[in-house]
Amino acid sequence: MHTSWLTADQYASLSTQVQGAFIAPLPAFESLLVGGIDNRKYLQGQITCDVDQLTDSNFLHGAHCDAKGKMWSQFYLATYGDQLITVAFRDELTASTAQWKKFGVFSKVSFDAGQSQFACFGLGGDNVASLIQQLGFDVPKRGGLSRNNGALLLALTDDHFLLLMPLDDARTLMQQPLPFAAPTVWLVQHIKHGFSYLEQGLIGEFVPQMLNLQALDAISFSKGCYIGQETVARLKYRGGNKRAAFILQADSAELPAAGTDIDIQLGENWRRSGQVVNAANIHNQLWIIAVLPNDITPADSLRLSSDSAPALHITPLPYSLN
């Protein structure tokens, strides 16, 4: 854990035994400030979402791809004064930042790491609206954004939120008697909502549709050109994508790393079928979001490729892939 706003003792005290609304520090999520008079124009040619649709009261979910349409990152993008601010898991944000800086030398655009300015939290649970109001925010609807004293609250769904807060305020917040929870609590909810993020070993492995980003309003098919657009558009209009993200659950103490294989039973044999993208485990309840063949069904027998090889069960996605 590398953070100046969350102490080791505070982190160690966070619990997975929470009921109702919670707020979870997310030290593995970071931000990037994109400034300069060309910031919107520059990012518009880099990412899958339509920057022209960004206002002060919403945010965008998007992806950043290489020339072959494989993702460097997926992220959330909002305005912050004259700047744009991007929030993502640390590994993928680092990958995208390196690429954006490389090509940004040809535009009037600047990049400043946000970890020295902002802390990230996740909110969720039953009656989370009351907790949000207690923190001084209006409760935004899905896709909306609420602001309070320099902090931004992003509604990923109507009960699943990201909070970006200035560091001094975050340090003060951590001293308050609030229902703090371990990051795992929020990550389980993230998986149950069908969201994902890219850890180091999977950067450059997936096109956006493999992580269902078309169903999460993270791809604009009407905006102008961007890096990787040809591949992303071809998969929509000509087909050819044969993989998608699925939510899996198991009764197991395991916590597989990103990239761990998932096997499918074919007759008496097992064959590699997909791989873990993200996993979280609370009290021996394992939740996984994994990339699998898009014709997989709950009737198929799946297992984690590990020593104990627990059986994996498909749970319904909260959105349609059609």
Protein backbone atom coordinates (compact mmCIF):
# COMPACT_ATOMS: atom_id res chain seq x y z
CA MET A 1 0.00 0.00 0.00
CA HIS A 2 1.54 3.29 -1.13
CA THR A 3 -0.57 6.21 0.08
CA SER A 4 -0.16 9.31 2.18
CA TRP A 5 -3.79 9.53 3.25
CA LEU A 6 -4.42 6.05 4.69
CA THR A 7 -2.19 4.69 7.45
CA ALA A 8 -1.24 1.05 7.82
CA ASP A 9 -3.17 0.86 11.10
CA GLN A 10 -6.29 2.33 9.49
CA TYR A 11 -6.06 -0.11 6.62
CA ALA A 12 -5.56 -3.08 8.96
CA SER A 13 -8.66 -2.10 10.95
CA LEU A 14 -10.99 -2.23 7.93
CA SER A 15 -13.51 -5.04 8.18
CA THR A 16 -15.37 -7.25 5.73
CA GLN A 17 -18.12 -7.75 8.30
CA VAL A 18 -20.35 -4.83 7.41
CA GLN A 19 -24.09 -4.52 7.16
CA GLY A 20 -25.92 -1.79 5.35
CA ALA A 21 -24.22 1.21 3.77
CA PHE A 22 -20.42 1.37 3.78
CA ILE A 23 -17.49 3.47 2.58
CA ALA A 24 -14.30 1.65 1.56
CA PRO A 25 -10.90 3.26 0.96
CA LEU A 26 -9.55 2.20 -2.45
CA PRO A 27 -5.79 2.83 -2.34
CA ALA A 28 -5.25 0.77 -5.51
CA PHE A 29 -7.33 3.22 -7.56
CA GLU A 30 -5.72 6.45 -8.69
CA SER A 31 -6.42 9.49 -10.83
CA LEU A 32 -4.81 11.53 -13.57
CA LEU A 33 -5.43 15.20 -14.33
CA VAL A 34 -5.40 16.09 -18.01
CA GLY A 35 -4.93 19.81 -18.68
CA GLY A 36 -4.15 22.14 -21.57
CA ILE A 37 -6.33 23.78 -24.18
CA ASP A 38 -6.29 20.63 -26.34
CA ASN A 39 -7.24 18.19 -23.57
CA ARG A 40 -10.73 17.38 -24.88
CA LYS A 41 -9.67 17.24 -28.51
CA TYR A 42 -6.69 15.08 -27.68
CA LEU A 43 -8.57 12.52 -25.59
CA GLN A 44 -11.39 12.41 -28.14
CA GLY A 45 -8.92 10.86 -30.58
CA GLN A 46 -7.62 8.40 -28.00
CA ILE A 47 -10.59 6.81 -26.20
CA THR A 48 -13.82 4.92 -26.91
CA CYS A 49 -16.27 7.28 -25.20
CA ASP A 50 -17.46 10.58 -26.68
CA VAL A 51 -15.79 13.43 -24.82
CA ASP A 52 -18.24 15.87 -26.43
CA GLN A 53 -20.95 14.33 -24.22
CA LEU A 54 -19.09 15.20 -21.00
CA THR A 55 -20.64 17.91 -18.80
CA ASP A 56 -20.13 19.11 -15.24
CA SER A 57 -23.03 16.93 -14.05
CA ASN A 58 -22.07 13.59 -15.60
CA PHE A 59 -19.07 11.36 -16.14
CA LEU A 60 -18.07 8.93 -18.89
CA HIS A 61 -17.02 5.30 -18.69
CA GLY A 62 -14.54 4.51 -21.44
CA ALA A 63 -11.57 2.49 -22.65
CA HIS A 64 -8.17 3.29 -24.12
CA CYS A 65 -6.99 0.87 -26.79
CA ASP A 66 -3.90 0.21 -28.84
CA ALA A 67 -3.97 0.26 -32.64
CA LYS A 68 -5.28 -3.33 -32.69
CA GLY A 69 -8.18 -2.50 -30.39
CA LYS A 70 -6.69 -4.20 -27.32
CA MET A 71 -7.19 -2.27 -24.10
CA TRP A 72 -4.54 -0.42 -22.18
CA SER A 73 -7.20 0.58 -19.65
CA GLN A 74 -10.80 1.22 -18.84
CA PHE A 75 -11.60 4.28 -16.73
CA TYR A 76 -14.05 6.92 -15.56
CA LEU A 77 -13.68 10.46 -16.89
CA ALA A 78 -15.03 13.71 -15.42
CA THR A 79 -14.42 17.44 -15.59
CA TYR A 80 -12.45 19.25 -12.87
CA GLY A 81 -12.47 22.95 -13.61
CA ASP A 82 -10.69 23.42 -16.92
CA GLN A 83 -9.07 20.01 -16.54
CA LEU A 84 -10.30 16.49 -17.11
CA ILE A 85 -9.78 13.86 -14.46
CA THR A 86 -9.49 10.14 -15.11
CA VAL A 87 -10.00 7.50 -12.40
CA ALA A 88 -8.87 3.88 -12.83
CA PHE A 89 -7.09 0.96 -11.21
CA ARG A 90 -3.40 1.82 -10.75
CA ASP A 91 -1.94 -0.72 -13.20
CA GLU A 92 -4.10 0.29 -16.14
CA LEU A 93 -3.86 4.01 -15.43
CA THR A 94 -0.06 3.74 -15.43
CA ALA A 95 -0.18 1.97 -18.81
CA SER A 96 -2.48 4.54 -20.39
CA THR A 97 -0.60 7.50 -18.95
CA ALA A 98 2.62 6.32 -20.59
CA GLN A 99 0.88 6.11 -23.98
CA TRP A 100 -0.97 9.41 -23.63
CA LYS A 101 2.25 11.20 -22.69
CA LYS A 102 4.10 9.64 -25.61
CA PHE A 103 1.71 11.04 -28.21
CA GLY A 104 0.66 14.11 -26.24
CA VAL A 105 3.89 15.92 -27.12
CA PHE A 106 2.23 16.89 -30.41
CA SER A 107 -0.70 18.62 -28.67
CA LYS A 108 -1.19 21.36 -26.08
CA VAL A 109 -1.99 18.93 -23.29
CA SER A 110 -0.50 18.12 -19.89
CA PHE A 111 -0.70 15.18 -17.50
CA ASP A 112 -0.40 15.36 -13.71
CA ALA A 113 -0.63 12.33 -11.43
CA GLY A 114 -3.57 12.70 -9.09
CA GLN A 115 -2.33 10.52 -6.22
CA SER A 116 -0.62 13.55 -4.67
CA GLN A 117 -3.95 15.42 -4.72
CA PHE A 118 -6.81 12.94 -4.43
CA ALA A 119 -7.89 9.80 -2.59
CA CYS A 120 -10.41 7.30 -3.90
CA PHE A 121 -13.23 5.59 -1.98
CA GLY A 122 -16.01 3.20 -2.91
CA LEU A 123 -19.51 3.45 -1.48
CA GLY A 124 -22.38 0.99 -1.56
CA GLY A 125 -24.69 -1.20 0.48
CA ASP A 126 -28.29 -0.90 1.60
CA ASN A 127 -29.49 2.67 2.23
CA VAL A 128 -26.29 4.11 0.78
CA ALA A 129 -28.24 7.26 -0.12
CA SER A 130 -28.38 8.23 3.57
CA LEU A 131 -24.61 7.84 3.90
CA ILE A 132 -24.08 9.95 0.77
CA GLN A 133 -26.26 12.72 2.19
CA GLN A 134 -24.41 12.48 5.51
CA LEU A 135 -21.20 13.17 3.59
CA GLY A 136 -22.75 16.33 2.14
CA PHE A 137 -23.55 15.18 -1.41
CA ASP A 138 -26.73 15.13 -3.42
CA VAL A 139 -27.45 11.57 -4.53
CA PRO A 140 -26.73 11.25 -8.27
CA LYS A 141 -28.48 8.79 -10.55
CA ARG A 142 -26.55 6.26 -12.60
CA GLY A 143 -24.08 8.06 -14.87
CA GLY A 144 -24.46 11.25 -12.86
CA LEU A 145 -21.95 13.15 -10.77
CA SER A 146 -22.34 15.12 -7.55
CA ARG A 147 -19.78 17.66 -6.29
CA ASN A 148 -19.01 18.94 -2.80
CA ASN A 149 -16.01 21.06 -1.73
CA GLY A 150 -13.72 19.77 -4.47
CA ALA A 151 -14.83 16.14 -4.13
CA LEU A 152 -16.57 14.20 -6.89
CA LEU A 153 -19.10 11.39 -6.38
CA LEU A 154 -19.68 9.17 -9.43
CA ALA A 155 -22.77 6.94 -9.59
CA LEU A 156 -21.64 3.79 -11.42
CA THR A 157 -25.12 2.42 -10.67
CA ASP A 158 -27.90 3.61 -8.39
CA ASP A 159 -26.26 1.83 -5.43
CA HIS A 160 -22.58 1.61 -6.39
CA PHE A 161 -20.37 4.71 -6.24
CA LEU A 162 -16.83 6.04 -6.61
CA LEU A 163 -15.75 9.02 -4.52
CA LEU A 164 -12.73 11.13 -5.41
CA MET A 165 -11.72 13.44 -2.55
CA PRO A 166 -8.87 15.94 -1.95
CA LEU A 167 -6.18 14.36 0.26
CA ASP A 168 -6.57 16.66 3.28
CA ASP A 169 -10.30 16.01 3.34
CA ALA A 170 -9.68 12.28 2.96
CA ARG A 171 -7.38 12.28 6.00
CA THR A 172 -10.06 14.08 7.99
CA LEU A 173 -12.72 11.69 6.75
CA MET A 174 -10.73 8.69 7.96
CA GLN A 175 -10.96 10.10 11.51
CA GLN A 176 -14.75 10.17 11.44
CA PRO A 177 -17.05 7.52 12.99
CA LEU A 178 -18.28 6.20 9.65
CA PRO A 179 -19.08 2.64 8.48
CA PHE A 180 -15.69 1.99 6.93
CA ALA A 181 -15.19 -1.32 5.13
CA ALA A 182 -12.33 -3.19 3.52
CA PRO A 183 -11.83 -2.60 -0.22
CA THR A 184 -12.89 -6.22 -0.82
CA VAL A 185 -16.47 -5.35 0.17
CA TRP A 186 -16.69 -2.78 -2.62
CA LEU A 187 -14.85 -5.04 -5.08
CA VAL A 188 -17.35 -7.86 -4.54
CA GLN A 189 -20.13 -5.39 -5.32
CA HIS A 190 -18.19 -4.19 -8.37
CA ILE A 191 -18.03 -7.75 -9.70
CA LYS A 192 -21.71 -8.41 -8.93
CA HIS A 193 -22.59 -5.35 -11.01
CA GLY A 194 -20.62 -6.80 -13.94
CA PHE A 195 -17.80 -4.23 -13.81
CA SER A 196 -14.10 -5.01 -14.13
CA TYR A 197 -10.67 -3.43 -14.28
CA LEU A 198 -7.35 -4.46 -15.79
CA GLU A 199 -4.52 -5.75 -13.65
CA GLN A 200 -0.96 -5.79 -14.98
CA GLY A 201 -0.92 -9.22 -16.61
CA LEU A 202 -4.08 -8.58 -18.63
CA ILE A 203 -3.25 -5.17 -20.09
CA GLY A 204 -3.28 -5.44 -23.88
CA GLU A 205 -5.20 -8.75 -23.86
CA PHE A 206 -8.84 -7.80 -24.46
CA VAL A 207 -10.89 -5.74 -26.87
CA PRO A 208 -13.57 -3.69 -25.07
CA GLN A 209 -16.46 -6.00 -26.02
CA MET A 210 -14.77 -8.91 -24.22
CA LEU A 211 -15.40 -7.03 -20.97
CA ASN A 212 -18.95 -6.05 -22.01
CA LEU A 213 -18.12 -2.37 -22.35
CA GLN A 214 -20.68 -1.98 -25.13
CA ALA A 215 -23.36 -2.94 -22.57
CA LEU A 216 -21.95 -0.50 -20.01
CA ASP A 217 -22.25 2.57 -22.28
CA ALA A 218 -18.45 2.82 -22.47
CA ILE A 219 -18.21 2.79 -26.28
CA SER A 220 -19.54 5.43 -28.65
CA PHE A 221 -20.21 4.07 -32.14
CA SER A 222 -21.12 7.51 -33.52
CA LYS A 223 -18.09 9.64 -32.56
CA GLY A 224 -15.12 10.32 -34.80
CA CYS A 225 -11.97 8.26 -35.14
CA TYR A 226 -9.91 7.07 -32.20
CA ILE A 227 -7.07 4.60 -31.77
CA GLY A 228 -8.36 1.04 -32.20
CA GLN A 229 -11.73 2.16 -33.59
CA GLU A 230 -11.54 -0.04 -36.67
CA THR A 231 -11.37 -3.22 -34.63
CA VAL A 232 -14.01 -2.13 -32.10
CA ALA A 233 -16.46 -1.04 -34.81
CA ARG A 234 -15.88 -4.17 -36.91
CA LEU A 235 -16.82 -6.38 -33.96
CA LYS A 236 -20.12 -4.50 -33.63
CA TYR A 237 -21.13 -4.30 -37.26
CA ARG A 238 -19.57 -7.47 -38.69
CA GLY A 239 -19.52 -9.68 -35.62
CA GLY A 240 -16.60 -11.92 -34.84
CA ASN A 241 -16.25 -11.35 -31.12
CA LYS A 242 -16.74 -14.73 -29.50
CA ARG A 243 -15.92 -13.85 -25.89
CA ALA A 244 -17.62 -11.92 -23.12
CA ALA A 245 -17.36 -11.29 -19.38
CA PHE A 246 -19.36 -13.44 -16.98
CA ILE A 247 -19.88 -13.39 -13.22
CA LEU A 248 -18.89 -16.60 -11.46
CA GLN A 249 -19.30 -17.69 -7.84
CA ALA A 250 -17.83 -20.53 -5.77
CA ASP A 251 -17.72 -21.76 -2.19
CA SER A 252 -13.97 -21.64 -1.79
CA ALA A 253 -11.21 -20.08 0.30
CA GLU A 254 -9.15 -19.43 -2.84
CA LEU A 255 -8.37 -16.02 -4.26
CA PRO A 256 -7.08 -16.56 -7.81
CA ALA A 257 -4.81 -14.04 -9.46
CA ALA A 258 -5.86 -12.18 -12.59
CA GLY A 259 -5.16 -14.40 -15.58
CA THR A 260 -5.78 -17.71 -13.76
CA ASP A 261 -7.29 -20.26 -16.14
CA ILE A 262 -10.87 -21.46 -16.00
CA ASP A 263 -11.61 -24.95 -17.33
CA ILE A 264 -14.74 -26.38 -18.92
CA GLN A 265 -15.72 -30.04 -18.84
CA LEU A 266 -16.01 -31.72 -22.23
CA GLY A 267 -17.03 -35.32 -21.72
CA GLU A 268 -14.58 -36.83 -19.25
CA ASN A 269 -11.92 -34.20 -19.93
CA TRP A 270 -11.33 -30.61 -18.85
CA ARG A 271 -10.05 -27.93 -21.22
CA ARG A 272 -9.05 -24.32 -20.76
CA SER A 273 -12.04 -22.11 -21.55
CA GLY A 274 -11.26 -18.66 -20.18
CA GLN A 275 -9.47 -16.68 -17.53
CA VAL A 276 -10.07 -14.71 -14.37
CA VAL A 277 -10.12 -10.93 -14.79
CA ASN A 278 -10.88 -9.89 -11.20
CA ALA A 279 -11.62 -11.90 -8.06
CA ALA A 280 -12.63 -11.10 -4.49
CA ASN A 281 -13.30 -13.41 -1.56
CA ILE A 282 -15.27 -12.70 1.61
CA HIS A 283 -15.76 -15.45 4.20
CA ASN A 284 -15.03 -18.23 1.69
CA GLN A 285 -17.46 -16.84 -0.86
CA LEU A 286 -15.45 -16.35 -4.04
CA TRP A 287 -16.68 -13.93 -6.68
CA ILE A 288 -15.03 -13.72 -10.10
CA ILE A 289 -15.54 -11.78 -13.28
CA ALA A 290 -14.03 -13.81 -16.10
CA VAL A 291 -13.74 -13.76 -19.87
CA LEU A 292 -15.31 -16.88 -21.39
CA PRO A 293 -16.82 -17.96 -24.72
CA ASN A 294 -19.96 -15.91 -25.21
CA ASP A 295 -22.05 -19.03 -25.84
CA ILE A 296 -21.33 -20.42 -22.36
CA THR A 297 -24.45 -21.39 -20.37
CA PRO A 298 -25.24 -22.16 -16.71
CA ALA A 299 -25.52 -25.81 -17.74
CA ASP A 300 -21.80 -25.96 -18.56
CA SER A 301 -19.51 -27.36 -15.87
CA LEU A 302 -16.72 -24.94 -15.01
CA ARG A 303 -13.89 -25.07 -12.50
CA LEU A 304 -10.98 -22.94 -11.44
CA SER A 305 -7.67 -24.29 -12.70
CA SER A 306 -5.97 -24.73 -9.32
CA ASP A 307 -4.96 -27.44 -6.87
CA SER A 308 -8.40 -27.58 -5.24
CA ALA A 309 -10.26 -26.84 -8.53
CA PRO A 310 -13.50 -25.50 -7.01
CA ALA A 311 -16.62 -25.67 -9.13
CA LEU A 312 -17.69 -22.30 -10.53
CA HIS A 313 -21.31 -21.29 -11.05
CA ILE A 314 -22.50 -18.63 -13.47
CA THR A 315 -24.70 -15.93 -11.96
CA PRO A 316 -26.81 -13.63 -14.18
CA LEU A 317 -25.36 -10.40 -15.45
CA PRO A 318 -27.33 -7.31 -14.33
CA TYR A 319 -27.45 -6.05 -17.93
CA SER A 320 -28.13 -7.45 -21.39
CA LEU A 321 -25.36 -8.22 -23.90
CA ASN A 322 -27.80 -8.07 -26.84
